Amino acid sequence: MFYKRHILTALEKELNTKEITVLTGMRQVGKTTLLNYLFERVETPNKAFFDLGNPLHRKIFEEVNYDSIWENLRAFNISNSSKAYLFLDEVQNLPDISHVVKYLYDHWEVKFFLTGSSSYYLKNLFPESLAGRKIIFELFPLTFEEFLQFNNVEKQRESNKITYELYLPYYKEFMEYGGFPSVVLEKDPQRKKKLLNEIFTSYFEQDAKSLADFKDISKLRDLILLLVPRISSKIEIAKLADSLNLSRETVYSYLSFLEQTYFITLLSKHSRSIDRQAAGSKKLFLCDCGMANILGRTSEGQIFEQSVFQNLRPFHRISYYSRGGENEIDFVVDNKKGLEVKVSASKRDLVNLAKRAQAAKIAESYLVSLEYKEEKRIILAVDL
């Protein structure tokens, strides 16, 4: 069964555009499924789907003379006499594919759809020579609304105590096992955990080991384990460096790799000054709640804030506000709205948040609560 994702509408519009469409994200977030769906939507017979994880499919594009590739494509009934649609899955398996894509794009009428499992690699794979030729889309684990769809639960627009009670068990499951599609579709809790472990193993063995140029890859693993208890907290590079017996520069390079391969996100501090945003401490989140839970221990509050982050991530620019250490706003959304995350929100929390929002010059502020509340300016997590 095919489940629609939020990103699908934007991707469907790409069927009628000229630019190269690139879909990237972590492994197992559903890129291949969406690529297959888009392939089926193309009505012309002059189309083909290639998995570049398959050595035979890679061989099609491994010609010294790129014009000769058309000879190889004829075996798949692809012609350059009319517009061709080429869908290439897992392009990170063929490092030279960017040169091929550029050449065919520039000389013939070809529409490319590409997927790759790492932004770190894709940034090197698609250099600036493809500027103006490509549009990159990022796919993440499911939001809670998508999570409900994958569980065949229709989201009601009306919010009340009844709908809250209906959705709460699902939200707690979302917090525990996260939003990787294969994990969500699996019903056995023990198999969910095994699948999450397999996703991490795949990331570490295939992305980290093959893409990273680190002398001691075990230090990267140790860093990941150190980061899990720090979810929703500001990162202190010096402490991490001391714990791992590494230089600060090395820790910075590890964090950069983890961020560019979608394993972590480091939020910048909210500021009107770009320089201050770049210079401030970063706040840490992982790719997924379920991944966090199998890798270490976190509090309910941390995992709840992680889950809220996952719901905001695909749609908004997010930062956080902090002044004087204690006066923090968990999320600043699109530089306009402040969101404070509480397992159980209170009126006092609303008053305190309003003061911090005023100091930050943020016009709107809301509390996000896991427990049911009927106060204005309190958003229930199940309604995100």
Protein backbone atom coordinates (compact mmCIF):
# COMPACT_ATOMS: atom_id res chain seq x y z
CA MET A 1 0.00 0.00 0.00
CA PHE A 2 1.28 3.46 -0.91
CA TYR A 3 1.11 6.18 1.74
CA LYS A 4 1.36 9.80 0.65
CA ARG A 5 4.04 11.98 2.20
CA HIS A 6 3.86 15.75 2.75
CA ILE A 7 6.62 16.28 0.21
CA LEU A 8 4.76 14.42 -2.55
CA THR A 9 2.78 17.39 -3.88
CA ALA A 10 5.97 19.36 -4.48
CA LEU A 11 7.64 16.36 -6.12
CA GLU A 12 4.68 15.76 -8.43
CA LYS A 13 5.04 19.30 -9.75
CA GLU A 14 8.60 18.41 -10.74
CA LEU A 15 7.27 15.96 -13.34
CA ASN A 16 6.61 18.92 -15.62
CA THR A 17 9.84 20.84 -15.04
CA LYS A 18 13.15 20.68 -16.87
CA GLU A 19 15.55 20.83 -13.92
CA ILE A 20 17.20 17.77 -12.41
CA THR A 21 15.17 16.71 -9.37
CA VAL A 22 17.27 15.34 -6.50
CA LEU A 23 15.69 13.66 -3.47
CA THR A 24 18.06 13.10 -0.57
CA GLY A 25 17.87 12.06 3.07
CA MET A 26 18.89 9.30 5.46
CA ARG A 27 18.65 5.66 4.54
CA GLN A 28 15.24 4.04 5.00
CA VAL A 29 13.19 7.25 5.00
CA GLY A 30 11.22 6.27 1.88
CA LYS A 31 13.10 7.85 -1.06
CA THR A 32 12.90 4.78 -3.31
CA THR A 33 9.19 4.37 -2.64
CA LEU A 34 8.50 7.94 -3.72
CA LEU A 35 10.75 7.57 -6.77
CA ASN A 36 8.81 4.48 -7.88
CA TYR A 37 5.52 6.33 -7.41
CA LEU A 38 6.72 9.25 -9.55
CA PHE A 39 7.97 6.83 -12.19
CA GLU A 40 4.50 5.31 -12.48
CA ARG A 41 2.98 8.78 -12.87
CA VAL A 42 4.98 9.45 -16.06
CA GLU A 43 2.72 8.52 -18.98
CA THR A 44 5.31 8.33 -21.74
CA PRO A 45 6.85 4.91 -22.52
CA ASN A 46 10.20 6.68 -23.02
CA LYS A 47 11.18 6.22 -19.38
CA ALA A 48 13.39 3.90 -17.32
CA PHE A 49 14.20 3.25 -13.66
CA PHE A 50 17.72 2.26 -12.63
CA ASP A 51 19.02 1.16 -9.22
CA LEU A 52 22.66 2.23 -9.11
CA GLY A 53 23.20 -0.18 -6.26
CA ASN A 54 23.04 -2.80 -9.02
CA PRO A 55 26.44 -3.20 -10.79
CA LEU A 56 24.70 -4.00 -14.09
CA HIS A 57 22.73 -0.75 -13.93
CA ARG A 58 25.88 1.20 -13.09
CA LYS A 59 27.59 -0.25 -16.15
CA ILE A 60 25.05 1.49 -18.42
CA PHE A 61 26.47 4.87 -17.43
CA GLU A 62 30.17 3.90 -17.21
CA GLU A 63 31.08 4.85 -20.77
CA VAL A 64 34.11 6.99 -21.57
CA ASN A 65 32.15 8.48 -24.46
CA TYR A 66 28.90 9.69 -22.93
CA ASP A 67 27.16 9.60 -26.33
CA SER A 68 27.53 5.83 -26.22
CA ILE A 69 25.21 5.68 -23.22
CA TRP A 70 22.26 6.04 -25.60
CA GLU A 71 23.25 2.73 -27.18
CA ASN A 72 23.05 1.10 -23.76
CA LEU A 73 19.71 2.74 -23.02
CA ARG A 74 18.16 1.38 -26.22
CA ALA A 75 18.13 -2.05 -24.56
CA PHE A 76 15.58 -0.51 -22.18
CA ASN A 77 13.56 1.04 -25.04
CA ILE A 78 14.86 4.52 -24.30
CA SER A 79 15.39 6.89 -27.21
CA ASN A 80 16.84 10.40 -27.50
CA SER A 81 14.47 11.27 -30.34
CA SER A 82 11.85 12.49 -27.83
CA LYS A 83 11.85 13.60 -24.22
CA ALA A 84 13.23 10.84 -21.99
CA TYR A 85 12.64 10.37 -18.27
CA LEU A 86 15.48 8.72 -16.34
CA PHE A 87 15.01 7.74 -12.70
CA LEU A 88 18.28 6.90 -10.95
CA ASP A 89 18.09 5.49 -7.43
CA GLU A 90 21.02 5.56 -4.94
CA VAL A 91 23.32 7.71 -7.08
CA GLN A 92 26.00 7.74 -4.37
CA ASN A 93 27.03 4.32 -5.69
CA LEU A 94 28.40 5.86 -8.90
CA PRO A 95 30.73 8.79 -8.09
CA ASP A 96 31.03 9.99 -11.71
CA ILE A 97 27.30 10.09 -12.36
CA SER A 98 27.13 13.89 -11.99
CA HIS A 99 29.27 14.33 -15.12
CA VAL A 100 27.01 11.96 -17.07
CA VAL A 101 23.85 13.68 -15.87
CA LYS A 102 25.21 17.11 -16.75
CA TYR A 103 26.24 16.04 -20.25
CA LEU A 104 22.96 14.33 -21.11
CA TYR A 105 20.95 17.18 -19.58
CA ASP A 106 22.83 19.80 -21.59
CA HIS A 107 22.71 17.99 -24.95
CA TRP A 108 19.32 16.26 -25.04
CA GLU A 109 15.84 16.60 -23.66
CA VAL A 110 16.12 14.43 -20.59
CA LYS A 111 14.29 14.80 -17.29
CA PHE A 112 16.25 13.29 -14.39
CA PHE A 113 14.94 12.18 -11.02
CA LEU A 114 17.74 11.13 -8.65
CA THR A 115 17.89 9.84 -5.10
CA GLY A 116 20.88 9.65 -2.77
CA SER A 117 21.26 8.75 0.88
CA SER A 118 23.61 11.47 2.04
CA SER A 119 23.72 15.22 1.65
CA TYR A 120 27.40 15.10 2.62
CA TYR A 121 28.12 13.00 -0.44
CA LEU A 122 25.68 14.78 -2.73
CA LYS A 123 27.28 18.15 -2.06
CA ASN A 124 30.50 16.71 -3.47
CA LEU A 125 28.72 14.64 -6.10
CA PHE A 126 26.81 17.59 -7.58
CA PRO A 127 29.29 20.48 -7.71
CA GLU A 128 28.54 24.06 -8.57
CA SER A 129 28.79 23.19 -12.27
CA LEU A 130 25.21 21.92 -11.88
CA ALA A 131 24.05 25.21 -10.39
CA GLY A 132 20.81 26.25 -12.05
CA ARG A 133 20.23 22.72 -13.32
CA LYS A 134 19.07 20.96 -10.16
CA ILE A 135 16.55 21.32 -7.34
CA ILE A 136 17.22 19.36 -4.15
CA PHE A 137 14.44 18.05 -1.89
CA GLU A 138 15.09 16.59 1.56
CA LEU A 139 13.07 13.70 2.96
CA PHE A 140 12.96 12.98 6.69
CA PRO A 141 11.38 10.33 8.92
CA LEU A 142 7.61 10.69 9.30
CA THR A 143 5.90 13.53 11.08
CA PHE A 144 3.12 12.58 13.50
CA GLU A 145 0.44 13.36 10.91
CA GLU A 146 2.19 11.04 8.44
CA PHE A 147 2.60 8.50 11.26
CA LEU A 148 -1.18 8.44 11.66
CA GLN A 149 -1.65 7.92 7.92
CA PHE A 150 0.72 4.96 8.02
CA ASN A 151 -1.45 3.55 10.81
CA ASN A 152 -4.59 4.17 8.73
CA VAL A 153 -5.90 6.71 11.24
CA GLU A 154 -7.63 9.75 9.81
CA LYS A 155 -6.61 13.05 11.41
CA GLN A 156 -9.64 15.06 12.56
CA ARG A 157 -9.52 18.83 12.18
CA GLU A 158 -11.49 19.40 15.36
CA SER A 159 -9.46 19.29 18.57
CA ASN A 160 -11.14 18.20 21.81
CA LYS A 161 -10.72 15.76 24.69
CA ILE A 162 -12.14 12.88 22.65
CA THR A 163 -9.72 13.28 19.75
CA TYR A 164 -6.88 13.81 22.25
CA GLU A 165 -7.62 10.47 23.93
CA LEU A 166 -7.81 8.83 20.52
CA TYR A 167 -4.46 10.14 19.32
CA LEU A 168 -2.43 10.02 22.57
CA PRO A 169 -1.49 6.30 22.41
CA TYR A 170 -0.28 6.85 18.85
CA TYR A 171 1.76 9.87 19.89
CA LYS A 172 3.42 7.91 22.68
CA GLU A 173 4.26 5.18 20.17
CA PHE A 174 5.66 7.88 17.86
CA MET A 175 7.84 9.11 20.74
CA GLU A 176 9.08 5.59 21.50
CA TYR A 177 9.72 4.15 18.03
CA GLY A 178 9.93 7.22 15.81
CA GLY A 179 9.05 7.73 12.18
CA PHE A 180 11.12 5.48 9.93
CA PRO A 181 8.43 4.03 7.61
CA SER A 182 9.47 0.37 7.92
CA VAL A 183 9.47 0.66 11.72
CA VAL A 184 6.06 2.35 11.78
CA LEU A 185 4.52 -0.36 9.57
CA GLU A 186 5.93 -3.17 11.73
CA LYS A 187 3.49 -4.10 14.52
CA ASP A 188 5.75 -6.27 16.71
CA PRO A 189 7.59 -4.06 19.27
CA GLN A 190 10.64 -6.32 19.35
CA ARG A 191 10.94 -6.28 15.57
CA LYS A 192 10.59 -2.50 15.63
CA LYS A 193 13.70 -2.36 17.81
CA LYS A 194 15.56 -4.78 15.54
CA LEU A 195 14.70 -2.66 12.50
CA LEU A 196 15.96 0.47 14.25
CA ASN A 197 19.20 -1.30 15.10
CA GLU A 198 19.54 -2.38 11.47
CA ILE A 199 19.00 1.19 10.26
CA PHE A 200 21.75 2.43 12.57
CA THR A 201 24.08 -0.39 11.52
CA SER A 202 23.42 0.42 7.87
CA TYR A 203 24.13 4.09 8.46
CA PHE A 204 27.32 3.44 10.39
CA GLU A 205 28.70 0.65 8.18
CA GLN A 206 27.76 2.11 4.79
CA ASP A 207 27.53 5.89 5.16
CA ALA A 208 29.97 6.58 7.97
CA LYS A 209 32.66 4.08 7.03
CA SER A 210 32.49 4.65 3.27
CA LEU A 211 32.04 8.43 3.21
CA ALA A 212 33.99 9.67 6.22
CA ASP A 213 37.73 10.12 6.06
CA PHE A 214 38.41 9.63 9.76
CA LYS A 215 41.44 7.82 11.16
CA ASP A 216 39.52 6.21 14.02
CA ILE A 217 35.90 5.51 13.07
CA SER A 218 35.24 4.08 16.56
CA LYS A 219 35.56 7.63 17.94
CA LEU A 220 32.63 8.67 15.74
CA ARG A 221 30.56 5.87 17.25
CA ASP A 222 31.60 6.95 20.76
CA LEU A 223 30.63 10.53 19.96
CA ILE A 224 27.18 9.43 18.81
CA LEU A 225 26.65 7.60 22.11
CA LEU A 226 27.77 10.71 24.02
CA LEU A 227 25.33 12.89 22.08
CA VAL A 228 22.18 10.89 22.84
CA PRO A 229 21.84 12.04 26.50
CA ARG A 230 22.42 15.61 25.27
CA ILE A 231 19.33 15.74 23.01
CA SER A 232 17.58 19.13 23.27
CA SER A 233 20.66 20.59 25.02
CA LYS A 234 23.37 22.98 23.90
CA ILE A 235 26.55 21.25 22.75
CA GLU A 236 29.74 21.94 24.67
CA ILE A 237 32.59 21.10 22.32
CA ALA A 238 35.30 21.27 25.00
CA LYS A 239 33.57 18.66 27.20
CA LEU A 240 33.02 16.34 24.24
CA ALA A 241 36.64 16.71 23.20
CA ASP A 242 37.88 15.93 26.72
CA SER A 243 35.60 12.89 27.03
CA LEU A 244 36.81 11.45 23.73
CA ASN A 245 40.45 12.55 24.12
CA LEU A 246 40.19 14.37 20.80
CA SER A 247 40.97 17.89 19.65
CA ARG A 248 38.14 20.39 19.36
CA GLU A 249 38.79 20.61 15.61
CA THR A 250 38.26 16.85 15.26
CA VAL A 251 35.01 16.98 17.23
CA TYR A 252 33.82 19.82 15.02
CA SER A 253 34.58 17.74 11.92
CA TYR A 254 32.71 14.72 13.36
CA LEU A 255 29.68 16.84 14.19
CA SER A 256 29.73 18.38 10.72
CA PHE A 257 29.75 14.92 9.16
CA LEU A 258 26.87 13.71 11.35
CA GLU A 259 24.85 16.79 10.47
CA GLN A 260 25.50 16.60 6.75
CA THR A 261 24.50 12.94 6.66
CA TYR A 262 21.21 13.78 8.43
CA PHE A 263 22.01 11.89 11.62
CA ILE A 264 21.89 15.01 13.80
CA THR A 265 20.63 18.57 13.53
CA LEU A 266 22.34 21.47 15.29
CA LEU A 267 20.01 24.41 15.83
CA SER A 268 21.46 27.92 15.85
CA LYS A 269 20.59 30.54 18.44
CA HIS A 270 17.89 32.98 17.38
CA SER A 271 19.34 36.36 16.51
CA ARG A 272 18.75 39.13 14.01
CA SER A 273 22.48 39.02 13.34
CA ILE A 274 23.72 36.22 11.07
CA ASP A 275 27.17 36.47 12.65
CA ARG A 276 25.74 35.92 16.15
CA GLN A 277 23.71 32.95 14.92
CA ALA A 278 26.85 31.33 13.53
CA ALA A 279 28.92 32.06 16.64
CA GLY A 280 26.42 30.93 19.28
CA SER A 281 26.20 27.50 20.90
CA LYS A 282 24.21 24.91 18.95
CA LYS A 283 21.30 22.92 20.28
CA LEU A 284 21.27 19.21 19.44
CA PHE A 285 18.57 16.94 18.01
CA LEU A 286 18.84 13.48 16.47
CA CYS A 287 17.28 12.25 13.26
CA ASP A 288 14.52 10.31 15.00
CA CYS A 289 12.98 9.50 18.39
CA GLY A 290 13.23 5.75 17.89
CA MET A 291 16.90 6.01 16.96
CA ALA A 292 17.56 7.99 20.14
CA ASN A 293 15.80 5.39 22.28
CA ILE A 294 17.81 2.42 21.00
CA LEU A 295 21.14 4.23 21.32
CA GLY A 296 20.90 5.54 24.88
CA ARG A 297 18.84 6.92 27.72
CA THR A 298 16.91 10.15 27.64
CA SER A 299 14.22 11.71 29.78
CA GLU A 300 10.57 11.93 28.78
CA GLY A 301 10.99 15.68 28.38
CA GLN A 302 13.93 15.26 26.02
CA ILE A 303 12.17 12.72 23.81
CA PHE A 304 9.04 14.85 23.78
CA GLU A 305 11.02 17.88 22.61
CA GLN A 306 12.73 15.65 20.00
CA SER A 307 9.30 14.60 18.72
CA VAL A 308 8.15 18.22 18.43
CA PHE A 309 11.33 19.02 16.51
CA GLN A 310 10.54 16.19 14.06
CA ASN A 311 7.10 17.65 13.42
CA LEU A 312 8.48 21.13 12.75
CA ARG A 313 11.60 20.17 10.76
CA PRO A 314 10.12 19.53 7.28
CA PHE A 315 8.14 22.76 7.12
CA HIS A 316 9.96 25.53 8.97
CA ARG A 317 13.22 27.28 9.66
CA ILE A 318 13.92 26.58 13.33
CA SER A 319 16.23 28.15 15.88
CA TYR A 320 16.15 28.54 19.66
CA TYR A 321 16.33 31.53 21.98
CA SER A 322 18.59 31.78 25.00
CA ARG A 323 19.66 34.69 27.13
CA GLY A 324 21.55 34.39 30.37
CA GLY A 325 21.43 30.61 30.40
CA GLU A 326 18.03 30.16 32.07
CA ASN A 327 15.81 32.31 29.86
CA GLU A 328 15.28 29.95 26.95
CA ILE A 329 12.59 29.39 24.33
CA ASP A 330 12.84 25.87 22.94
CA PHE A 331 11.99 26.72 19.33
CA VAL A 332 11.73 29.94 17.35
CA VAL A 333 9.81 29.11 14.18
CA ASP A 334 10.51 31.13 11.02
CA ASN A 335 11.79 33.98 13.24
CA LYS A 336 8.16 34.74 14.13
CA LYS A 337 6.76 32.33 16.72
CA GLY A 338 8.18 31.04 19.98
CA LEU A 339 7.32 27.50 21.11
CA GLU A 340 8.09 26.20 24.58
CA VAL A 341 7.73 22.42 25.02
CA LYS A 342 6.33 21.03 28.27
CA VAL A 343 5.11 17.53 29.11
CA SER A 344 2.52 19.24 31.32
CA ALA A 345 2.03 22.94 30.55
CA SER A 346 0.68 25.40 33.13
CA LYS A 347 -0.56 29.00 33.29
CA ARG A 348 2.66 30.00 35.03
CA ASP A 349 4.58 28.57 32.06
CA LEU A 350 2.51 30.79 29.78
CA VAL A 351 3.33 33.88 31.81
CA ASN A 352 7.05 33.09 31.85
CA LEU A 353 7.06 32.34 28.13
CA ALA A 354 5.34 35.64 27.33
CA LYS A 355 8.09 37.51 29.21
CA ARG A 356 10.86 35.67 27.36
CA ALA A 357 9.14 36.22 24.01
CA GLN A 358 8.87 39.92 24.72
CA ALA A 359 12.58 40.07 25.57
CA ALA A 360 13.37 38.21 22.34
CA LYS A 361 11.06 40.54 20.36
CA ILE A 362 8.98 37.58 19.19
CA ALA A 363 5.37 38.58 18.53
CA GLU A 364 3.65 35.21 19.10
CA SER A 365 4.37 32.50 21.64
CA TYR A 366 2.75 29.18 22.49
CA LEU A 367 3.25 26.21 24.77
CA VAL A 368 3.26 22.69 23.32
CA SER A 369 1.89 20.19 25.85
CA LEU A 370 1.84 16.40 25.88
CA GLU A 371 -0.86 16.35 28.55
CA TYR A 372 -4.34 17.64 27.77
CA LYS A 373 -4.90 21.35 28.45
CA GLU A 374 -7.66 23.71 27.34
CA GLU A 375 -5.85 27.01 27.87
CA LYS A 376 -5.50 29.39 24.96
CA ARG A 377 -1.99 29.55 23.54
CA ILE A 378 -1.41 25.90 24.51
CA ILE A 379 -1.02 23.56 21.54
CA LEU A 380 -1.54 19.86 22.15
CA ALA A 381 1.23 17.69 20.77
CA VAL A 382 -1.30 15.43 19.08
CA ASP A 383 -2.46 18.43 17.05
CA LEU A 384 0.95 19.21 15.59
